[in-house]
PDB file of N, CA and C in Angstrom:
ATOM      1  N   CYS A   1      51.490-101.426 -33.037  1.00  0.00           N
ATOM      2  CA  CYS A   1      52.644-101.020 -31.457  1.00  0.00           C
ATOM      3  C   CYS A   1      53.890-100.905 -31.672  1.00  0.00           C
ATOM      4  N   ALA A   2      54.592-100.690 -31.173  1.00  0.00           N
ATOM      5  CA  ALA A   2      56.342-100.483 -31.319  1.00  0.00           C
ATOM      6  C   ALA A   2      56.885-101.384 -31.815  1.00  0.00           C
ATOM      7  N   LEU A   3      56.478-102.782 -31.931  1.00  0.00           N
ATOM      8  CA  LEU A   3      57.093-103.979 -32.081  1.00  0.00           C
ATOM      9  C   LEU A   3      56.702-104.290 -33.547  1.00  0.00           C
ATOM     10  N   GLY A   4      55.391-103.466 -34.320  1.00  0.00           N
ATOM     11  CA  GLY A   4      54.904-103.794 -35.712  1.00  0.00           C
ATOM     12  C   GLY A   4      53.579-104.406 -35.065  1.00  0.00           C
ATOM     13  N   ARG A   5      52.836-105.336 -36.323  1.00  0.00           N
ATOM     14  CA  ARG A   5      51.413-105.905 -36.211  1.00  0.00           C
ATOM     15  C   ARG A   5      51.690-107.179 -35.593  1.00  0.00           C
ATOM     16  N   LEU A   6      50.880-107.257 -34.496  1.00  0.00           N
ATOM     17  CA  LEU A   6      50.806-108.514 -33.611  1.00  0.00           C
ATOM     18  C   LEU A   6      49.534-109.196 -34.068  1.00  0.00           C
ATOM     19  N   VAL A   7      50.087-110.740 -33.610  1.00  0.00           N
ATOM     20  CA  VAL A   7      48.690-111.743 -33.541  1.00  0.00           C
ATOM     21  C   VAL A   7      48.223-111.721 -32.067  1.00  0.00           C
ATOM     22  N   ALA A   8      47.017-111.429 -32.523  1.00  0.00           N
ATOM     23  CA  ALA A   8      46.100-111.652 -31.414  1.00  0.00           C
ATOM     24  C   ALA A   8      45.257-112.805 -30.979  1.00  0.00           C
ATOM     25  N   PRO A   9      44.980-113.637 -30.022  1.00  0.00           N
ATOM     26  CA  PRO A   9      43.807-114.928 -30.414  1.00  0.00           C
ATOM     27  C   PRO A   9      42.448-114.186 -30.550  1.00  0.00           C
ATOM     28  N   ALA A  10      41.744-115.028 -31.438  1.00  0.00           N
ATOM     29  CA  ALA A  10      40.409-114.725 -31.251  1.00  0.00           C
ATOM     30  C   ALA A  10      39.705-114.249 -29.982  1.00  0.00           C
ATOM     31  N   GLY A  11      38.964-113.262 -30.065  1.00  0.00           N
ATOM     32  CA  GLY A  11      38.008-112.769 -28.910  1.00  0.00           C
ATOM     33  C   GLY A  11      38.440-112.066 -28.005  1.00  0.00           C
ATOM     34  N   SER A  12      40.233-111.516 -28.358  1.00  0.00           N
ATOM     35  CA  SER A  12      40.574-110.752 -27.453  1.00  0.00           C
ATOM     36  C   SER A  12      40.415-109.466 -27.247  1.00  0.00           C
ATOM     37  N   ALA A  13      40.307-108.701 -26.216  1.00  0.00           N
ATOM     38  CA  ALA A  13      39.801-107.204 -26.074  1.00  0.00           C
ATOM     39  C   ALA A  13      40.310-106.415 -27.391  1.00  0.00           C
ATOM     40  N   GLN A  14      39.085-105.790 -27.629  1.00  0.00           N
ATOM     41  CA  GLN A  14      39.486-104.420 -28.690  1.00  0.00           C
ATOM     42  C   GLN A  14      39.578-103.456 -28.232  1.00  0.00           C
ATOM     43  N   GLY A  15      39.810-102.127 -29.165  1.00  0.00           N
ATOM     44  CA  GLY A  15      40.489-101.211 -28.653  1.00  0.00           C
ATOM     45  C   GLY A  15      41.670-100.643 -27.898  1.00  0.00           C
ATOM     46  N   PRO A  16      41.854-100.194 -27.057  1.00  0.00           N
ATOM     47  CA  PRO A  16      43.591 -99.796 -26.442  1.00  0.00           C
ATOM     48  C   PRO A  16      43.336-100.863 -25.554  1.00  0.00           C
ATOM     49  N   VAL A  17      44.418-101.657 -25.444  1.00  0.00           N
ATOM     50  CA  VAL A  17      44.656-102.539 -25.058  1.00  0.00           C
ATOM     51  C   VAL A  17      46.522-102.664 -24.555  1.00  0.00           C
ATOM     52  N   ARG A  18      47.041-103.291 -23.484  1.00  0.00           N
ATOM     53  CA  ARG A  18      48.479-103.563 -23.036  1.00  0.00           C
ATOM     54  C   ARG A  18      48.505-105.013 -23.235  1.00  0.00           C
ATOM     55  N   VAL A  19      49.672-104.997 -24.028  1.00  0.00           N
ATOM     56  CA  VAL A  19      49.927-105.915 -24.980  1.00  0.00           C
ATOM     57  C   VAL A  19      51.296-106.964 -24.279  1.00  0.00           C
ATOM     58  N   LEU A  20      51.156-108.206 -24.057  1.00  0.00           N
ATOM     59  CA  LEU A  20      52.263-109.035 -22.887  1.00  0.00           C
ATOM     60  C   LEU A  20      52.770-109.843 -24.104  1.00  0.00           C
ATOM     61  N   VAL A  21      54.023-109.736 -24.373  1.00  0.00           N
ATOM     62  CA  VAL A  21      55.094-110.534 -25.354  1.00  0.00           C
ATOM     63  C   VAL A  21      56.086-111.104 -24.376  1.00  0.00           C
ATOM     64  N   ARG A  22      56.007-112.421 -24.496  1.00  0.00           N
ATOM     65  CA  ARG A  22      57.050-113.408 -23.892  1.00  0.00           C
ATOM     66  C   ARG A  22      58.441-113.118 -24.534  1.00  0.00           C
ATOM     67  N   PRO A  23      59.217-112.851 -23.885  1.00  0.00           N
ATOM     68  CA  PRO A  23      60.930-113.067 -24.296  1.00  0.00           C
ATOM     69  C   PRO A  23      60.936-113.671 -25.097  1.00  0.00           C
ATOM     70  N   GLU A  24      60.854-114.974 -25.225  1.00  0.00           N
ATOM     71  CA  GLU A  24      61.004-116.267 -26.036  1.00  0.00           C
ATOM     72  C   GLU A  24      60.433-116.023 -27.284  1.00  0.00           C
ATOM     73  N   GLN A  25      59.388-114.908 -27.626  1.00  0.00           N
ATOM     74  CA  GLN A  25      58.495-114.612 -28.919  1.00  0.00           C
ATOM     75  C   GLN A  25      59.257-113.942 -29.938  1.00  0.00           C
ATOM     76  N   ILE A  26      60.017-113.066 -29.485  1.00  0.00           N
ATOM     77  CA  ILE A  26      61.219-111.800 -30.094  1.00  0.00           C
ATOM     78  C   ILE A  26      62.311-112.779 -30.533  1.00  0.00           C
ATOM     79  N   GLU A  27      62.438-112.568 -31.926  1.00  0.00           N
ATOM     80  CA  GLU A  27      63.356-112.793 -32.793  1.00  0.00           C
ATOM     81  C   GLU A  27      64.221-111.907 -33.291  1.00  0.00           C
ATOM     82  N   LEU A  28      65.778-111.949 -33.051  1.00  0.00           N
ATOM     83  CA  LEU A  28      66.738-111.100 -33.443  1.00  0.00           C
ATOM     84  C   LEU A  28      67.253-111.086 -35.206  1.00  0.00           C
ATOM     85  N   HIS A  29      66.850-110.137 -35.700  1.00  0.00           N
ATOM     86  CA  HIS A  29      67.629-110.400 -37.299  1.00  0.00           C
ATOM     87  C   HIS A  29      68.359-109.675 -37.430  1.00  0.00           C
ATOM     88  N   PRO A  30      69.105-109.318 -38.552  1.00  0.00           N
ATOM     89  CA  PRO A  30      70.220-108.361 -38.905  1.00  0.00           C
ATOM     90  C   PRO A  30      69.477-106.961 -39.580  1.00  0.00           C
ATOM     91  N   PRO A  31      69.898-105.942 -39.131  1.00  0.00           N
ATOM     92  CA  PRO A  31      69.640-104.629 -40.052  1.00  0.00           C
ATOM     93  C   PRO A  31      69.554-104.861 -41.520  1.00  0.00           C
ATOM     94  N   GLY A  32      68.332-104.142 -41.868  1.00  0.00           N
ATOM     95  CA  GLY A  32      67.784-104.145 -43.275  1.00  0.00           C
ATOM     96  C   GLY A  32      66.609-105.333 -43.155  1.00  0.00           C
ATOM     97  N   ALA A  33      66.839-106.371 -42.313  1.00  0.00           N
ATOM     98  CA  ALA A  33      65.615-107.498 -42.626  1.00  0.00           C
ATOM     99  C   ALA A  33      64.401-106.876 -42.128  1.00  0.00           C
ATOM    100  N   GLU A  34      63.243-107.978 -41.936  1.00  0.00           N
ATOM    101  CA  GLU A  34      61.829-107.349 -41.526  1.00  0.00           C
ATOM    102  C   GLU A  34      62.117-106.980 -40.103  1.00  0.00           C
ATOM    103  N   GLY A  35      60.903-106.014 -39.391  1.00  0.00           N
ATOM    104  CA  GLY A  35      60.754-106.287 -38.459  1.00  0.00           C
ATOM    105  C   GLY A  35      61.282-104.697 -37.602  1.00  0.00           C
ATOM    106  N   ALA A  36      61.287-104.369 -36.541  1.00  0.00           N
ATOM    107  CA  ALA A  36      61.066-103.308 -35.511  1.00  0.00           C
ATOM    108  C   ALA A  36      62.343-102.999 -35.581  1.00  0.00           C
ATOM    109  N   ALA A  37      62.800-101.912 -35.541  1.00  0.00           N
ATOM    110  CA  ALA A  37      64.412-101.425 -35.245  1.00  0.00           C
ATOM    111  C   ALA A  37      64.898-101.463 -33.680  1.00  0.00           C
ATOM    112  N   ALA A  38      65.845-101.649 -33.288  1.00  0.00           N
ATOM    113  CA  ALA A  38      66.008-101.850 -31.793  1.00  0.00           C
ATOM    114  C   ALA A  38      67.524-101.886 -31.822  1.00  0.00           C
ATOM    115  N   GLN A  39      67.983-101.320 -30.328  1.00  0.00           N
ATOM    116  CA  GLN A  39      69.570-101.064 -30.004  1.00  0.00           C
ATOM    117  C   GLN A  39      69.653-102.081 -29.192  1.00  0.00           C
ATOM    118  N   VAL A  40      70.800-103.290 -29.447  1.00  0.00           N
ATOM    119  CA  VAL A  40      71.032-104.041 -27.948  1.00  0.00           C
ATOM    120  C   VAL A  40      71.468-102.996 -27.194  1.00  0.00           C
ATOM    121  N   LEU A  41      71.236-103.371 -26.017  1.00  0.00           N
ATOM    122  CA  LEU A  41      71.728-102.665 -24.596  1.00  0.00           C
ATOM    123  C   LEU A  41      72.413-103.536 -23.899  1.00  0.00           C
ATOM    124  N   ASP A  42      72.219-104.669 -23.558  1.00  0.00           N
ATOM    125  CA  ASP A  42      73.313-105.621 -23.105  1.00  0.00           C
ATOM    126  C   ASP A  42      72.485-107.183 -22.852  1.00  0.00           C
ATOM    127  N   VAL A  43      73.769-107.766 -23.226  1.00  0.00           N
ATOM    128  CA  VAL A  43      73.112-109.181 -22.911  1.00  0.00           C
ATOM    129  C   VAL A  43      74.000-109.961 -21.741  1.00  0.00           C
ATOM    130  N   SER A  44      72.691-111.073 -21.235  1.00  0.00           N
ATOM    131  CA  SER A  44      72.807-111.720 -20.076  1.00  0.00           C
ATOM    132  C   SER A  44      73.201-113.220 -20.693  1.00  0.00           C
ATOM    133  N   TYR A  45      74.098-114.119 -20.675  1.00  0.00           N
ATOM    134  CA  TYR A  45      74.538-115.108 -20.714  1.00  0.00           C
ATOM    135  C   TYR A  45      74.113-115.972 -20.114  1.00  0.00           C
ATOM    136  N   PHE A  46      73.303-117.827 -19.874  1.00  0.00           N
ATOM    137  CA  PHE A  46      72.735-118.304 -19.009  1.00  0.00           C
ATOM    138  C   PHE A  46      73.382-119.854 -19.384  1.00  0.00           C
ATOM    139  N   GLY A  47      74.067-119.714 -20.361  1.00  0.00           N
ATOM    140  CA  GLY A  47      74.779-120.994 -20.426  1.00  0.00           C
ATOM    141  C   GLY A  47      74.010-121.428 -21.902  1.00  0.00           C
ATOM    142  N   HIS A  48      72.957-122.174 -21.944  1.00  0.00           N
ATOM    143  CA  HIS A  48      72.602-122.744 -23.339  1.00  0.00           C
ATOM    144  C   HIS A  48      71.685-121.700 -23.880  1.00  0.00           C
ATOM    145  N   ASP A  49      71.344-120.479 -23.203  1.00  0.00           N
ATOM    146  CA  ASP A  49      70.503-119.044 -24.226  1.00  0.00           C
ATOM    147  C   ASP A  49      71.154-118.123 -23.156  1.00  0.00           C
ATOM    148  N   ALA A  50      70.424-116.771 -23.537  1.00  0.00           N
ATOM    149  CA  ALA A  50      71.142-115.309 -23.015  1.00  0.00           C
ATOM    150  C   ALA A  50      69.498-114.747 -23.424  1.00  0.00           C
ATOM    151  N   THR A  51      69.505-113.556 -22.465  1.00  0.00           N
ATOM    152  CA  THR A  51      68.323-112.677 -22.571  1.00  0.00           C
ATOM    153  C   THR A  51      69.274-111.221 -23.145  1.00  0.00           C
ATOM    154  N   VAL A  52      68.629-110.623 -24.063  1.00  0.00           N
ATOM    155  CA  VAL A  52      68.874-109.645 -24.858  1.00  0.00           C
ATOM    156  C   VAL A  52      68.112-108.105 -24.274  1.00  0.00           C
ATOM    157  N   ARG A  53      68.465-107.285 -23.754  1.00  0.00           N
ATOM    158  CA  ARG A  53      68.161-105.782 -23.329  1.00  0.00           C
ATOM    159  C   ARG A  53      67.941-104.980 -24.649  1.00  0.00           C
ATOM    160  N   LEU A  54      66.597-104.438 -25.032  1.00  0.00           N
ATOM    161  CA  LEU A  54      66.913-103.720 -26.126  1.00  0.00           C
ATOM    162  C   LEU A  54      65.900-102.729 -26.076  1.00  0.00           C
ATOM    163  N   ARG A  55      66.435-101.601 -26.840  1.00  0.00           N
ATOM    164  CA  ARG A  55      65.396-100.495 -26.753  1.00  0.00           C
ATOM    165  C   ARG A  55      64.939-100.059 -28.136  1.00  0.00           C
ATOM    166  N   LEU A  56      63.940 -99.934 -28.152  1.00  0.00           N
ATOM    167  CA  LEU A  56      63.426 -99.440 -29.555  1.00  0.00           C
ATOM    168  C   LEU A  56      63.915 -97.823 -29.652  1.00  0.00           C
ATOM    169  N   PRO A  57      63.462 -97.473 -31.228  1.00  0.00           N
ATOM    170  CA  PRO A  57      63.843 -96.001 -31.303  1.00  0.00           C
ATOM    171  C   PRO A  57      62.553 -94.995 -30.403  1.00  0.00           C
ATOM    172  N   GLU A  58      61.008 -95.288 -29.963  1.00  0.00           N
ATOM    173  CA  GLU A  58      60.661 -94.556 -29.426  1.00  0.00           C
ATOM    174  C   GLU A  58      61.257 -94.129 -27.434  1.00  0.00           C
ATOM    175  N   GLY A  59      61.934 -95.224 -27.351  1.00  0.00           N
ATOM    176  CA  GLY A  59      62.667 -95.494 -25.726  1.00  0.00           C
ATOM    177  C   GLY A  59      62.238 -96.615 -25.080  1.00  0.00           C
ATOM    178  N   GLU A  60      61.451 -97.115 -25.483  1.00  0.00           N
ATOM    179  CA  GLU A  60      60.683 -98.571 -25.054  1.00  0.00           C
ATOM    180  C   GLU A  60      61.788 -99.258 -25.142  1.00  0.00           C
ATOM    181  N   GLN A  61      61.998-100.406 -23.916  1.00  0.00           N
ATOM    182  CA  GLN A  61      62.670-101.196 -23.497  1.00  0.00           C
ATOM    183  C   GLN A  61      61.937-102.527 -23.889  1.00  0.00           C
ATOM    184  N   VAL A  62      62.866-103.726 -24.217  1.00  0.00           N
ATOM    185  CA  VAL A  62      62.088-104.873 -24.165  1.00  0.00           C
ATOM    186  C   VAL A  62      63.063-105.737 -23.943  1.00  0.00           C
ATOM    187  N   VAL A  63      62.947-107.321 -23.878  1.00  0.00           N
ATOM    188  CA  VAL A  63      63.971-108.323 -23.452  1.00  0.00           C
ATOM    189  C   VAL A  63      63.498-109.369 -24.403  1.00  0.00           C
ATOM    190  N   ALA A  64      64.310-109.826 -25.092  1.00  0.00           N
ATOM    191  CA  ALA A  64      64.374-111.049 -25.743  1.00  0.00           C
ATOM    192  C   ALA A  64      65.245-111.995 -25.442  1.00  0.00           C
ATOM    193  N   ARG A  65      64.669-113.476 -25.134  1.00  0.00           N
ATOM    194  CA  ARG A  65      65.107-114.803 -24.810  1.00  0.00           C
ATOM    195  C   ARG A  65      65.683-115.217 -25.728  1.00  0.00           C
ATOM    196  N   VAL A  66      67.137-115.595 -26.261  1.00  0.00           N
ATOM    197  CA  VAL A  66      67.687-116.266 -27.356  1.00  0.00           C
ATOM    198  C   VAL A  66      68.487-117.375 -27.147  1.00  0.00           C
ATOM    199  N   SER A  67      68.640-118.276 -28.183  1.00  0.00           N
ATOM    200  CA  SER A  67      69.366-119.041 -28.053  1.00  0.00           C
ATOM    201  C   SER A  67      70.519-119.240 -29.107  1.00  0.00           C
ATOM    202  N   GLY A  68      71.809-119.952 -29.061  1.00  0.00           N
ATOM    203  CA  GLY A  68      72.687-120.341 -30.235  1.00  0.00           C
ATOM    204  C   GLY A  68      73.739-119.095 -30.224  1.00  0.00           C
ATOM    205  N   PRO A  69      74.344-119.498 -31.072  1.00  0.00           N
ATOM    206  CA  PRO A  69      75.540-118.693 -31.195  1.00  0.00           C
ATOM    207  C   PRO A  69      75.456-117.670 -32.159  1.00  0.00           C
ATOM    208  N   GLY A  70      75.823-116.479 -32.104  1.00  0.00           N
ATOM    209  CA  GLY A  70      76.046-115.392 -32.966  1.00  0.00           C
ATOM    210  C   GLY A  70      74.684-114.668 -32.327  1.00  0.00           C
ATOM    211  N   LEU A  71      75.154-114.159 -30.952  1.00  0.00           N
ATOM    212  CA  LEU A  71      74.392-113.059 -30.536  1.00  0.00           C
ATOM    213  C   LEU A  71      74.888-111.719 -30.423  1.00  0.00           C
ATOM    214  N   PRO A  72      74.082-110.683 -30.815  1.00  0.00           N
ATOM    215  CA  PRO A  72      74.660-109.719 -31.142  1.00  0.00           C
ATOM    216  C   PRO A  72      75.523-108.669 -30.149  1.00  0.00           C
ATOM    217  N   GLU A  73      76.428-107.914 -30.058  1.00  0.00           N
ATOM    218  CA  GLU A  73      76.882-107.280 -28.987  1.00  0.00           C
ATOM    219  C   GLU A  73      76.121-105.924 -28.858  1.00  0.00           C
ATOM    220  N   THR A  74      76.745-105.328 -27.195  1.00  0.00           N
ATOM    221  CA  THR A  74      76.434-104.364 -26.870  1.00  0.00           C
ATOM    222  C   THR A  74      76.305-103.013 -27.952  1.00  0.00           C
ATOM    223  N   GLY A  75      74.899-102.632 -28.460  1.00  0.00           N
ATOM    224  CA  GLY A  75      75.268-101.299 -29.265  1.00  0.00           C
ATOM    225  C   GLY A  75      74.639-101.908 -30.724  1.00  0.00           C
ATOM    226  N   ALA A  76      74.921-102.808 -30.688  1.00  0.00           N
ATOM    227  CA  ALA A  76      74.676-103.037 -32.200  1.00  0.00           C
ATOM    228  C   ALA A  76      73.114-103.018 -32.630  1.00  0.00           C
ATOM    229  N   GLN A  77      73.118-102.740 -33.654  1.00  0.00           N
ATOM    230  CA  GLN A  77      71.518-102.553 -34.521  1.00  0.00           C
ATOM    231  C   GLN A  77      70.912-103.657 -34.968  1.00  0.00           C
ATOM    232  N   VAL A  78      69.612-104.095 -34.357  1.00  0.00           N
ATOM    233  CA  VAL A  78      69.049-105.221 -35.089  1.00  0.00           C
ATOM    234  C   VAL A  78      67.300-104.942 -35.182  1.00  0.00           C
ATOM    235  N   ARG A  79      67.126-106.100 -35.844  1.00  0.00           N
ATOM    236  CA  ARG A  79      65.591-105.684 -36.013  1.00  0.00           C
ATOM    237  C   ARG A  79      65.139-106.611 -35.341  1.00  0.00           C
ATOM    238  N   LEU A  80      63.574-106.500 -34.685  1.00  0.00           N
ATOM    239  CA  LEU A  80      62.775-107.559 -33.700  1.00  0.00           C
ATOM    240  C   LEU A  80      61.405-107.909 -34.932  1.00  0.00           C
ATOM    241  N   VAL A  81      61.319-109.546 -34.633  1.00  0.00           N
ATOM    242  CA  VAL A  81      60.156-110.167 -35.192  1.00  0.00           C
ATOM    243  C   VAL A  81      59.467-110.777 -34.133  1.00  0.00           C
ATOM    244  N   VAL A  82      58.135-110.428 -33.716  1.00  0.00           N
ATOM    245  CA  VAL A  82      57.405-111.509 -32.605  1.00  0.00           C
ATOM    246  C   VAL A  82      56.616-112.789 -33.280  1.00  0.00           C
ATOM    247  N   ARG A  83      56.825-113.805 -32.759  1.00  0.00           N
ATOM    248  CA  ARG A  83      56.563-114.712 -33.694  1.00  0.00           C
ATOM    249  C   ARG A  83      55.268-115.343 -32.513  1.00  0.00           C
ATOM    250  N   GLY A  84      54.262-115.491 -33.191  1.00  0.00           N
ATOM    251  CA  GLY A  84      53.182-116.067 -32.321  1.00  0.00           C
ATOM    252  C   GLY A  84      52.023-115.446 -31.656  1.00  0.00           C
ATOM    253  N   PRO A  85      50.921-116.032 -31.228  1.00  0.00           N
ATOM    254  CA  PRO A  85      50.084-114.623 -30.522  1.00  0.00           C
ATOM    255  C   PRO A  85      50.731-114.196 -29.671  1.00  0.00           C
ATOM    256  N   VAL A  86      50.179-112.635 -29.004  1.00  0.00           N
ATOM    257  CA  VAL A  86      50.514-112.554 -27.698  1.00  0.00           C
ATOM    258  C   VAL A  86      48.916-111.907 -26.899  1.00  0.00           C
ATOM    259  N   ARG A  87      49.439-111.763 -25.991  1.00  0.00           N
ATOM    260  CA  ARG A  87      48.058-112.080 -24.992  1.00  0.00           C
ATOM    261  C   ARG A  87      48.075-110.291 -25.008  1.00  0.00           C
ATOM    262  N   VAL A  88      46.465-109.916 -24.709  1.00  0.00           N
ATOM    263  CA  VAL A  88      46.251-108.289 -24.779  1.00  0.00           C
ATOM    264  C   VAL A  88      45.294-108.129 -23.754  1.00  0.00           C
ATOM    265  N   TYR A  89      45.174-107.138 -23.323  1.00  0.00           N
ATOM    266  CA  TYR A  89      44.821-106.760 -21.881  1.00  0.00           C
ATOM    267  C   TYR A  89      44.308-105.109 -22.051  1.00  0.00           C
ATOM    268  N   PRO A  90      42.708-104.988 -21.668  1.00  0.00           N
ATOM    269  CA  PRO A  90      42.141-104.014 -21.884  1.00  0.00           C
ATOM    270  C   PRO A  90      42.691-102.790 -20.810  1.00  0.00           C
ATOM    271  N   THR A  91      42.874-101.529 -21.662  1.00  0.00           N
ATOM    272  CA  THR A  91      43.456-100.546 -20.293  1.00  0.00           C
ATOM    273  C   THR A  91      42.433 -99.662 -19.089  1.00  0.00           C
ATOM    274  N   GLY A  92      41.618 -99.946 -19.918  1.00  0.00           N
ATOM    275  CA  GLY A  92      40.545 -99.388 -19.135  1.00  0.00           C
ATOM    276  C   GLY A  92      39.498 -99.940 -18.034  1.00  0.00           C
TER     277      GLY A  92
END
């Protein structure tokens, strides 16, 4: 998918599916690192963590929930890596 190869639990639906990725599964990395390219649209701070809204090159948008210092600025280019298994649902 647009986020790269994702891990699905054993026994998940086969063929065309919808994928559910939790925002806290998305890690942000600097340009040049592994992962899917994305542009930061905005950052919303919530004290100990923040949500980062991102646009993928194909135009899709995703939200990452991240913590810690060094959050990217609006307009920055980043790379996205999804950690852990995702949920999949058949599209039919």
